Amino acid sequence: MDETMKVGIFINNFSLLNKITRKIKNSEFNLKHLKSIPKYDHEIDIIVTDKILEDCMTPYTIPDDLDILKLKIRSTYYNKHNLTLGIDPGGICGLAVLSKKHVLFCKEYDNIEQMAKIVKSIDREIGIDQIKIGIGSPPHRNMIEQTLNMFEEKIIFVDERQSGSGSHIEAAIRIASRFGNGKKPNEYKPKDGEIAWIQKQSRRLSKGLITVDKETANKILIGKLSMEEAIDYYTGKLIKKPQSN
């Protein structure tokens, strides 16, 4: 972000205080531990606290998922809500969070489930207006769509191809900034290499416990099944005990 914020930490829980301080300690935030609520709002730009503050003139936020605390501070400070998310699909996914072209958060993820957890936290704690997904990398795009199926009405697809090179984050910012449409791209037939990659991923995510078959891998790639559902199903079959007569 462009300016340094004076952030007051008004929390008595020492363990939570330490976790929050470690999460947001950087040049963007000038942290100050508070023993009481400031009388004048110019002393502190925003307060991070663990309780509702009565008669507080300074904007404040109550954190839940600390992985989005920086975003929550920015959205409160700049009064930005109903956010637009841009996702660049791929082996490494780029995620960007914007509000009227104001970039509030961006990060790369190599785990779609972890990125989905962040998206759910953003919606729960702040609010999401649109989720724009690039149409490149069909297998990853379909897995992202399946993992975020609870946001079906908010998902918009954006053709980010021929938009220039750059990092996954830069691509995600471009995707979030562009107009798209609600139409799902045409179905595709997964290639043998893509199916093999999904099987390899299932072994990695299950820590070598299972390998999904080709039919299941195909369903994951076309968005009919999530990786998490497939692993849960296979794991359940593996540990299920035979019924005694």
C-alpha atoms as a PDB file:
ATOM      1  CA  MET A   1       0.000   0.000   0.000  1.00  0.00           C
ATOM      2  CA  ASP A   2       1.035   3.635  -0.518  1.00  0.00           C
ATOM      3  CA  GLU A   3       0.944   5.033   3.012  1.00  0.00           C
ATOM      4  CA  THR A   4       1.870   3.952   6.510  1.00  0.00           C
ATOM      5  CA  MET A   5      -1.076   3.333   8.839  1.00  0.00           C
ATOM      6  CA  LYS A   6      -0.965   3.947  12.561  1.00  0.00           C
ATOM      7  CA  VAL A   7      -2.463   0.704  13.894  1.00  0.00           C
ATOM      8  CA  GLY A   8      -3.414   0.409  17.534  1.00  0.00           C
ATOM      9  CA  ILE A   9      -3.529  -3.073  19.064  1.00  0.00           C
ATOM     10  CA  PHE A  10      -6.082  -3.133  21.893  1.00  0.00           C
ATOM     11  CA  ILE A  11      -5.928  -6.748  23.061  1.00  0.00           C
ATOM     12  CA  ASN A  12      -5.289  -8.194  26.515  1.00  0.00           C
ATOM     13  CA  ASN A  13      -4.814 -11.800  25.380  1.00  0.00           C
ATOM     14  CA  PHE A  14      -1.011 -12.050  25.250  1.00  0.00           C
ATOM     15  CA  SER A  15      -0.965 -15.086  22.934  1.00  0.00           C
ATOM     16  CA  LEU A  16      -3.334 -13.454  20.425  1.00  0.00           C
ATOM     17  CA  LEU A  17      -1.422 -10.197  20.712  1.00  0.00           C
ATOM     18  CA  ASN A  18       1.804 -11.933  19.705  1.00  0.00           C
ATOM     19  CA  LYS A  19       0.160 -13.746  16.774  1.00  0.00           C
ATOM     20  CA  ILE A  20      -1.347 -10.520  15.441  1.00  0.00           C
ATOM     21  CA  THR A  21       1.888  -8.575  15.860  1.00  0.00           C
ATOM     22  CA  ARG A  22       3.838 -11.217  13.912  1.00  0.00           C
ATOM     23  CA  LYS A  23       1.230 -11.262  11.145  1.00  0.00           C
ATOM     24  CA  ILE A  24       1.140  -7.538  10.409  1.00  0.00           C
ATOM     25  CA  LYS A  25       4.586  -6.325  11.462  1.00  0.00           C
ATOM     26  CA  ASN A  26       5.974  -4.574   8.367  1.00  0.00           C
ATOM     27  CA  SER A  27       6.669  -1.113   6.971  1.00  0.00           C
ATOM     28  CA  GLU A  28       3.037  -0.580   5.961  1.00  0.00           C
ATOM     29  CA  PHE A  29       1.761  -0.666   9.547  1.00  0.00           C
ATOM     30  CA  ASN A  30       3.132   1.417  12.418  1.00  0.00           C
ATOM     31  CA  LEU A  31       2.017  -0.670  15.414  1.00  0.00           C
ATOM     32  CA  LYS A  32       1.232   0.659  18.876  1.00  0.00           C
ATOM     33  CA  HIS A  33       0.024  -1.408  21.808  1.00  0.00           C
ATOM     34  CA  LEU A  34      -2.875   0.369  23.517  1.00  0.00           C
ATOM     35  CA  LYS A  35      -3.854   0.233  27.181  1.00  0.00           C
ATOM     36  CA  SER A  36      -7.003   2.272  26.530  1.00  0.00           C
ATOM     37  CA  ILE A  37      -9.024   3.640  23.649  1.00  0.00           C
ATOM     38  CA  PRO A  38      -7.539   6.905  22.308  1.00  0.00           C
ATOM     39  CA  LYS A  39      -9.554  10.046  23.087  1.00  0.00           C
ATOM     40  CA  TYR A  40      -8.753  11.655  19.754  1.00  0.00           C
ATOM     41  CA  ASP A  41      -9.154   9.870  16.433  1.00  0.00           C
ATOM     42  CA  HIS A  42      -6.002  11.440  14.946  1.00  0.00           C
ATOM     43  CA  GLU A  43      -3.781   9.505  17.355  1.00  0.00           C
ATOM     44  CA  ILE A  44      -4.449   6.154  15.670  1.00  0.00           C
ATOM     45  CA  ASP A  45      -5.781   5.407  12.159  1.00  0.00           C
ATOM     46  CA  ILE A  46      -7.376   2.054  13.005  1.00  0.00           C
ATOM     47  CA  ILE A  47      -7.631  -0.260  16.013  1.00  0.00           C
ATOM     48  CA  VAL A  48      -7.315  -4.050  16.002  1.00  0.00           C
ATOM     49  CA  THR A  49      -9.195  -5.488  18.954  1.00  0.00           C
ATOM     50  CA  ASP A  50     -10.915  -8.666  20.134  1.00  0.00           C
ATOM     51  CA  LYS A  51     -14.128  -7.040  21.376  1.00  0.00           C
ATOM     52  CA  ILE A  52     -16.791  -4.533  20.373  1.00  0.00           C
ATOM     53  CA  LEU A  53     -15.754  -1.001  21.342  1.00  0.00           C
ATOM     54  CA  GLU A  54     -18.492   1.326  22.546  1.00  0.00           C
ATOM     55  CA  ASP A  55     -18.307   5.046  21.720  1.00  0.00           C
ATOM     56  CA  CYS A  56     -15.069   4.630  19.793  1.00  0.00           C
ATOM     57  CA  MET A  57     -14.374   7.410  17.285  1.00  0.00           C
ATOM     58  CA  THR A  58     -11.554   5.487  15.607  1.00  0.00           C
ATOM     59  CA  PRO A  59     -12.371   2.763  13.030  1.00  0.00           C
ATOM     60  CA  TYR A  60     -11.670  -0.695  14.423  1.00  0.00           C
ATOM     61  CA  THR A  61     -11.716  -4.292  13.283  1.00  0.00           C
ATOM     62  CA  ILE A  62     -12.061  -7.606  15.095  1.00  0.00           C
ATOM     63  CA  PRO A  63      -9.898 -10.318  13.489  1.00  0.00           C
ATOM     64  CA  ASP A  64     -10.935 -13.910  12.969  1.00  0.00           C
ATOM     65  CA  ASP A  65      -8.813 -15.499  10.247  1.00  0.00           C
ATOM     66  CA  LEU A  66      -5.420 -13.872  10.780  1.00  0.00           C
ATOM     67  CA  ASP A  67      -4.354 -14.808   7.232  1.00  0.00           C
ATOM     68  CA  ILE A  68      -6.609 -12.002   5.941  1.00  0.00           C
ATOM     69  CA  LEU A  69      -5.975  -9.525   8.768  1.00  0.00           C
ATOM     70  CA  LYS A  70      -3.939  -7.190   6.538  1.00  0.00           C
ATOM     71  CA  LEU A  71      -6.799  -7.170   4.032  1.00  0.00           C
ATOM     72  CA  LYS A  72      -9.346  -6.557   6.793  1.00  0.00           C
ATOM     73  CA  ILE A  73      -7.338  -3.617   8.136  1.00  0.00           C
ATOM     74  CA  ARG A  74      -7.059  -2.089   4.663  1.00  0.00           C
ATOM     75  CA  SER A  75     -10.740  -2.614   3.811  1.00  0.00           C
ATOM     76  CA  THR A  76     -11.779  -0.961   7.098  1.00  0.00           C
ATOM     77  CA  TYR A  77      -9.276   1.899   6.827  1.00  0.00           C
ATOM     78  CA  TYR A  78     -10.190   2.705   3.213  1.00  0.00           C
ATOM     79  CA  ASN A  79     -13.879   1.832   3.758  1.00  0.00           C
ATOM     80  CA  LYS A  80     -13.815  -0.740   0.971  1.00  0.00           C
ATOM     81  CA  HIS A  81     -16.371  -3.536   1.022  1.00  0.00           C
ATOM     82  CA  ASN A  82     -18.186  -5.809  -1.493  1.00  0.00           C
ATOM     83  CA  LEU A  83     -14.884  -6.822  -2.995  1.00  0.00           C
ATOM     84  CA  THR A  84     -13.949  -8.164  -6.420  1.00  0.00           C
ATOM     85  CA  LEU A  85     -11.570 -11.126  -6.524  1.00  0.00           C
ATOM     86  CA  GLY A  86      -9.430 -12.043  -9.499  1.00  0.00           C
ATOM     87  CA  ILE A  87      -7.979 -15.545  -9.820  1.00  0.00           C
ATOM     88  CA  ASP A  88      -5.301 -16.577 -12.295  1.00  0.00           C
ATOM     89  CA  PRO A  89      -5.610 -20.398 -12.526  1.00  0.00           C
ATOM     90  CA  GLY A  90      -2.588 -22.653 -12.856  1.00  0.00           C
ATOM     91  CA  GLY A  91      -0.176 -24.846 -10.933  1.00  0.00           C
ATOM     92  CA  ILE A  92       0.545 -21.630  -9.040  1.00  0.00           C
ATOM     93  CA  CYS A  93      -2.640 -19.569  -8.683  1.00  0.00           C
ATOM     94  CA  GLY A  94      -2.626 -15.813  -8.337  1.00  0.00           C
ATOM     95  CA  LEU A  95      -5.274 -14.190  -6.133  1.00  0.00           C
ATOM     96  CA  ALA A  96      -5.959 -10.445  -6.146  1.00  0.00           C
ATOM     97  CA  VAL A  97      -8.585  -8.561  -4.128  1.00  0.00           C
ATOM     98  CA  LEU A  98      -9.765  -5.220  -5.489  1.00  0.00           C
ATOM     99  CA  SER A  99     -12.352  -2.578  -4.722  1.00  0.00           C
ATOM    100  CA  LYS A 100     -12.962  -0.161  -7.580  1.00  0.00           C
ATOM    101  CA  LYS A 101      -9.482  -0.859  -8.984  1.00  0.00           C
ATOM    102  CA  HIS A 102      -7.890  -0.280  -5.572  1.00  0.00           C
ATOM    103  CA  VAL A 103      -5.681  -3.314  -4.925  1.00  0.00           C
ATOM    104  CA  LEU A 104      -6.112  -4.393  -1.295  1.00  0.00           C
ATOM    105  CA  PHE A 105      -4.512  -7.825  -1.223  1.00  0.00           C
ATOM    106  CA  CYS A 106      -2.611 -10.200  -3.502  1.00  0.00           C
ATOM    107  CA  LYS A 107      -0.889 -13.511  -3.001  1.00  0.00           C
ATOM    108  CA  GLU A 108       0.176 -16.675  -4.840  1.00  0.00           C
ATOM    109  CA  TYR A 109      -1.017 -20.159  -3.823  1.00  0.00           C
ATOM    110  CA  ASP A 110       0.188 -23.606  -4.843  1.00  0.00           C
ATOM    111  CA  ASN A 111      -2.784 -25.243  -3.103  1.00  0.00           C
ATOM    112  CA  ILE A 112      -6.302 -24.595  -4.417  1.00  0.00           C
ATOM    113  CA  GLU A 113      -7.939 -25.748  -1.172  1.00  0.00           C
ATOM    114  CA  GLN A 114      -5.875 -23.248   0.826  1.00  0.00           C
ATOM    115  CA  MET A 115      -6.808 -20.452  -1.562  1.00  0.00           C
ATOM    116  CA  ALA A 116     -10.491 -21.447  -1.280  1.00  0.00           C
ATOM    117  CA  LYS A 117     -10.224 -21.199   2.524  1.00  0.00           C
ATOM    118  CA  ILE A 118      -8.960 -17.631   2.158  1.00  0.00           C
ATOM    119  CA  VAL A 119     -11.791 -16.771  -0.267  1.00  0.00           C
ATOM    120  CA  LYS A 120     -14.376 -18.107   2.199  1.00  0.00           C
ATOM    121  CA  SER A 121     -12.837 -16.072   5.022  1.00  0.00           C
ATOM    122  CA  ILE A 122     -12.930 -12.919   2.885  1.00  0.00           C
ATOM    123  CA  ASP A 123     -16.611 -13.412   2.135  1.00  0.00           C
ATOM    124  CA  ARG A 124     -17.468 -14.192   5.763  1.00  0.00           C
ATOM    125  CA  GLU A 125     -15.559 -11.310   7.315  1.00  0.00           C
ATOM    126  CA  ILE A 126     -15.785  -8.591   4.650  1.00  0.00           C
ATOM    127  CA  GLY A 127     -18.025  -9.568   1.723  1.00  0.00           C
ATOM    128  CA  ILE A 128     -17.482 -10.550  -1.903  1.00  0.00           C
ATOM    129  CA  ASP A 129     -19.343  -9.006  -4.830  1.00  0.00           C
ATOM    130  CA  GLN A 130     -17.710 -10.901  -7.726  1.00  0.00           C
ATOM    131  CA  ILE A 131     -15.147 -13.654  -8.271  1.00  0.00           C
ATOM    132  CA  LYS A 132     -13.510 -13.382 -11.689  1.00  0.00           C
ATOM    133  CA  ILE A 133     -11.654 -16.473 -12.879  1.00  0.00           C
ATOM    134  CA  GLY A 134      -9.377 -16.561 -15.912  1.00  0.00           C
ATOM    135  CA  ILE A 135     -10.275 -19.164 -18.538  1.00  0.00           C
ATOM    136  CA  GLY A 136      -6.705 -20.348 -19.080  1.00  0.00           C
ATOM    137  CA  SER A 137      -5.467 -23.693 -17.716  1.00  0.00           C
ATOM    138  CA  PRO A 138      -8.815 -25.568 -17.950  1.00  0.00           C
ATOM    139  CA  PRO A 139      -7.998 -28.312 -15.398  1.00  0.00           C
ATOM    140  CA  HIS A 140      -7.038 -25.811 -12.714  1.00  0.00           C
ATOM    141  CA  ARG A 141      -9.905 -23.507 -13.645  1.00  0.00           C
ATOM    142  CA  ASN A 142     -12.400 -26.347 -13.259  1.00  0.00           C
ATOM    143  CA  MET A 143     -10.938 -27.412  -9.919  1.00  0.00           C
ATOM    144  CA  ILE A 144     -11.149 -23.829  -8.664  1.00  0.00           C
ATOM    145  CA  GLU A 145     -14.744 -23.524  -9.830  1.00  0.00           C
ATOM    146  CA  GLN A 146     -15.666 -26.813  -8.157  1.00  0.00           C
ATOM    147  CA  THR A 147     -13.950 -25.839  -4.897  1.00  0.00           C
ATOM    148  CA  LEU A 148     -15.770 -22.483  -4.910  1.00  0.00           C
ATOM    149  CA  ASN A 149     -19.134 -23.873  -6.030  1.00  0.00           C
ATOM    150  CA  MET A 150     -20.913 -22.172  -3.107  1.00  0.00           C
ATOM    151  CA  PHE A 151     -20.153 -18.866  -4.898  1.00  0.00           C
ATOM    152  CA  GLU A 152     -21.633 -20.028  -8.224  1.00  0.00           C
ATOM    153  CA  GLU A 153     -23.813 -16.915  -8.629  1.00  0.00           C
ATOM    154  CA  LYS A 154     -20.831 -14.616  -8.076  1.00  0.00           C
ATOM    155  CA  ILE A 155     -18.394 -16.310 -10.479  1.00  0.00           C
ATOM    156  CA  ILE A 156     -17.578 -14.580 -13.771  1.00  0.00           C
ATOM    157  CA  PHE A 157     -15.157 -15.927 -16.367  1.00  0.00           C
ATOM    158  CA  VAL A 158     -12.610 -13.623 -17.964  1.00  0.00           C
ATOM    159  CA  ASP A 159     -10.544 -14.298 -21.085  1.00  0.00           C
ATOM    160  CA  GLU A 160      -7.103 -13.199 -19.929  1.00  0.00           C
ATOM    161  CA  ARG A 161      -5.268 -14.670 -22.903  1.00  0.00           C
ATOM    162  CA  GLN A 162      -3.185 -12.343 -25.080  1.00  0.00           C
ATOM    163  CA  SER A 163      -3.047  -9.854 -22.202  1.00  0.00           C
ATOM    164  CA  GLY A 164       0.712  -9.833 -21.936  1.00  0.00           C
ATOM    165  CA  SER A 165       3.136 -11.644 -19.695  1.00  0.00           C
ATOM    166  CA  GLY A 166       3.849 -11.129 -16.026  1.00  0.00           C
ATOM    167  CA  SER A 167       3.540 -12.800 -12.670  1.00  0.00           C
ATOM    168  CA  HIS A 168       0.516 -14.758 -11.458  1.00  0.00           C
ATOM    169  CA  ILE A 169      -0.367 -11.828  -9.214  1.00  0.00           C
ATOM    170  CA  GLU A 170      -0.200  -9.338 -12.093  1.00  0.00           C
ATOM    171  CA  ALA A 171      -2.448 -11.654 -14.123  1.00  0.00           C
ATOM    172  CA  ALA A 172      -4.910 -11.907 -11.221  1.00  0.00           C
ATOM    173  CA  ILE A 173      -5.050  -8.102 -10.955  1.00  0.00           C
ATOM    174  CA  ARG A 174      -5.753  -7.820 -14.708  1.00  0.00           C
ATOM    175  CA  ILE A 175      -8.475 -10.474 -14.439  1.00  0.00           C
ATOM    176  CA  ALA A 176     -10.144  -8.675 -11.512  1.00  0.00           C
ATOM    177  CA  SER A 177     -10.034  -5.379 -13.443  1.00  0.00           C
ATOM    178  CA  ARG A 178     -11.607  -6.698 -16.646  1.00  0.00           C
ATOM    179  CA  PHE A 179     -15.184  -7.227 -17.731  1.00  0.00           C
ATOM    180  CA  GLY A 180     -16.188 -10.851 -18.153  1.00  0.00           C
ATOM    181  CA  ASN A 181     -19.284 -12.920 -18.686  1.00  0.00           C
ATOM    182  CA  GLY A 182     -21.172 -15.526 -16.714  1.00  0.00           C
ATOM    183  CA  LYS A 183     -20.837 -18.177 -19.398  1.00  0.00           C
ATOM    184  CA  LYS A 184     -18.764 -21.173 -18.509  1.00  0.00           C
ATOM    185  CA  PRO A 185     -16.103 -21.908 -21.151  1.00  0.00           C
ATOM    186  CA  ASN A 186     -16.643 -24.853 -23.443  1.00  0.00           C
ATOM    187  CA  GLU A 187     -15.981 -28.267 -21.967  1.00  0.00           C
ATOM    188  CA  TYR A 188     -12.690 -29.857 -22.774  1.00  0.00           C
ATOM    189  CA  LYS A 189     -11.414 -33.410 -22.827  1.00  0.00           C
ATOM    190  CA  PRO A 190      -8.579 -33.927 -20.344  1.00  0.00           C
ATOM    191  CA  LYS A 191      -5.294 -35.146 -21.771  1.00  0.00           C
ATOM    192  CA  ASP A 192      -3.434 -38.207 -20.484  1.00  0.00           C
ATOM    193  CA  GLY A 193      -0.750 -36.003 -18.954  1.00  0.00           C
ATOM    194  CA  GLU A 194      -3.327 -33.961 -17.059  1.00  0.00           C
ATOM    195  CA  ILE A 195      -4.958 -37.121 -15.708  1.00  0.00           C
ATOM    196  CA  ALA A 196      -1.553 -38.404 -14.583  1.00  0.00           C
ATOM    197  CA  TRP A 197      -0.883 -35.054 -12.872  1.00  0.00           C
ATOM    198  CA  ILE A 198      -4.155 -35.331 -10.910  1.00  0.00           C
ATOM    199  CA  GLN A 199      -3.229 -38.851  -9.828  1.00  0.00           C
ATOM    200  CA  LYS A 200       0.140 -37.570  -8.652  1.00  0.00           C
ATOM    201  CA  GLN A 201      -1.565 -34.745  -6.759  1.00  0.00           C
ATOM    202  CA  SER A 202      -3.919 -37.195  -5.042  1.00  0.00           C
ATOM    203  CA  ARG A 203      -0.900 -39.152  -3.771  1.00  0.00           C
ATOM    204  CA  ARG A 204       0.773 -35.964  -2.555  1.00  0.00           C
ATOM    205  CA  LEU A 205      -2.310 -34.558  -0.804  1.00  0.00           C
ATOM    206  CA  SER A 206      -3.144 -37.896   0.843  1.00  0.00           C
ATOM    207  CA  LYS A 207       0.525 -38.279   1.897  1.00  0.00           C
ATOM    208  CA  GLY A 208       0.882 -41.421  -0.233  1.00  0.00           C
ATOM    209  CA  LEU A 209      -2.227 -43.077   1.172  1.00  0.00           C
ATOM    210  CA  ILE A 210      -4.244 -43.315  -2.049  1.00  0.00           C
ATOM    211  CA  THR A 211      -4.106 -42.726  -5.802  1.00  0.00           C
ATOM    212  CA  VAL A 212      -7.352 -41.905  -7.582  1.00  0.00           C
ATOM    213  CA  ASP A 213      -8.156 -43.905 -10.691  1.00  0.00           C
ATOM    214  CA  LYS A 214      -8.274 -42.370 -14.172  1.00  0.00           C
ATOM    215  CA  GLU A 215     -12.070 -42.052 -14.225  1.00  0.00           C
ATOM    216  CA  THR A 216     -12.053 -40.137 -10.948  1.00  0.00           C
ATOM    217  CA  ALA A 217      -9.165 -37.967 -12.141  1.00  0.00           C
ATOM    218  CA  ASN A 218     -11.169 -37.151 -15.257  1.00  0.00           C
ATOM    219  CA  LYS A 219     -14.173 -36.089 -13.135  1.00  0.00           C
ATOM    220  CA  ILE A 220     -11.934 -33.811 -11.093  1.00  0.00           C
ATOM    221  CA  LEU A 221     -10.504 -32.203 -14.216  1.00  0.00           C
ATOM    222  CA  ILE A 222     -13.898 -31.443 -15.758  1.00  0.00           C
ATOM    223  CA  GLY A 223     -15.244 -30.044 -12.494  1.00  0.00           C
ATOM    224  CA  LYS A 224     -17.705 -32.767 -11.531  1.00  0.00           C
ATOM    225  CA  LEU A 225     -15.805 -33.702  -8.392  1.00  0.00           C
ATOM    226  CA  SER A 226     -13.395 -31.881  -6.103  1.00  0.00           C
ATOM    227  CA  MET A 227     -10.041 -33.338  -5.111  1.00  0.00           C
ATOM    228  CA  GLU A 228     -11.081 -33.167  -1.460  1.00  0.00           C
ATOM    229  CA  GLU A 229     -14.245 -35.185  -2.116  1.00  0.00           C
ATOM    230  CA  ALA A 230     -12.297 -37.798  -4.077  1.00  0.00           C
ATOM    231  CA  ILE A 231      -9.648 -38.214  -1.374  1.00  0.00           C
ATOM    232  CA  ASP A 232     -12.317 -38.433   1.347  1.00  0.00           C
ATOM    233  CA  TYR A 233     -14.141 -41.133  -0.625  1.00  0.00           C
ATOM    234  CA  TYR A 234     -11.027 -43.212  -1.285  1.00  0.00           C
ATOM    235  CA  THR A 235      -9.758 -42.803   2.275  1.00  0.00           C
ATOM    236  CA  GLY A 236     -13.144 -43.847   3.625  1.00  0.00           C
ATOM    237  CA  LYS A 237     -13.068 -47.006   1.511  1.00  0.00           C
ATOM    238  CA  LEU A 238      -9.533 -47.745   2.665  1.00  0.00           C
ATOM    239  CA  ILE A 239     -10.214 -47.516   6.380  1.00  0.00           C
ATOM    240  CA  LYS A 240     -13.684 -49.026   6.333  1.00  0.00           C
ATOM    241  CA  LYS A 241     -13.662 -52.244   8.280  1.00  0.00           C
ATOM    242  CA  PRO A 242     -15.382 -55.356   6.907  1.00  0.00           C
ATOM    243  CA  GLN A 243     -18.692 -56.005   8.592  1.00  0.00           C
ATOM    244  CA  SER A 244     -18.760 -59.073  10.784  1.00  0.00           C
ATOM    245  CA  ASN A 245     -21.348 -61.754  10.168  1.00  0.00           C
END
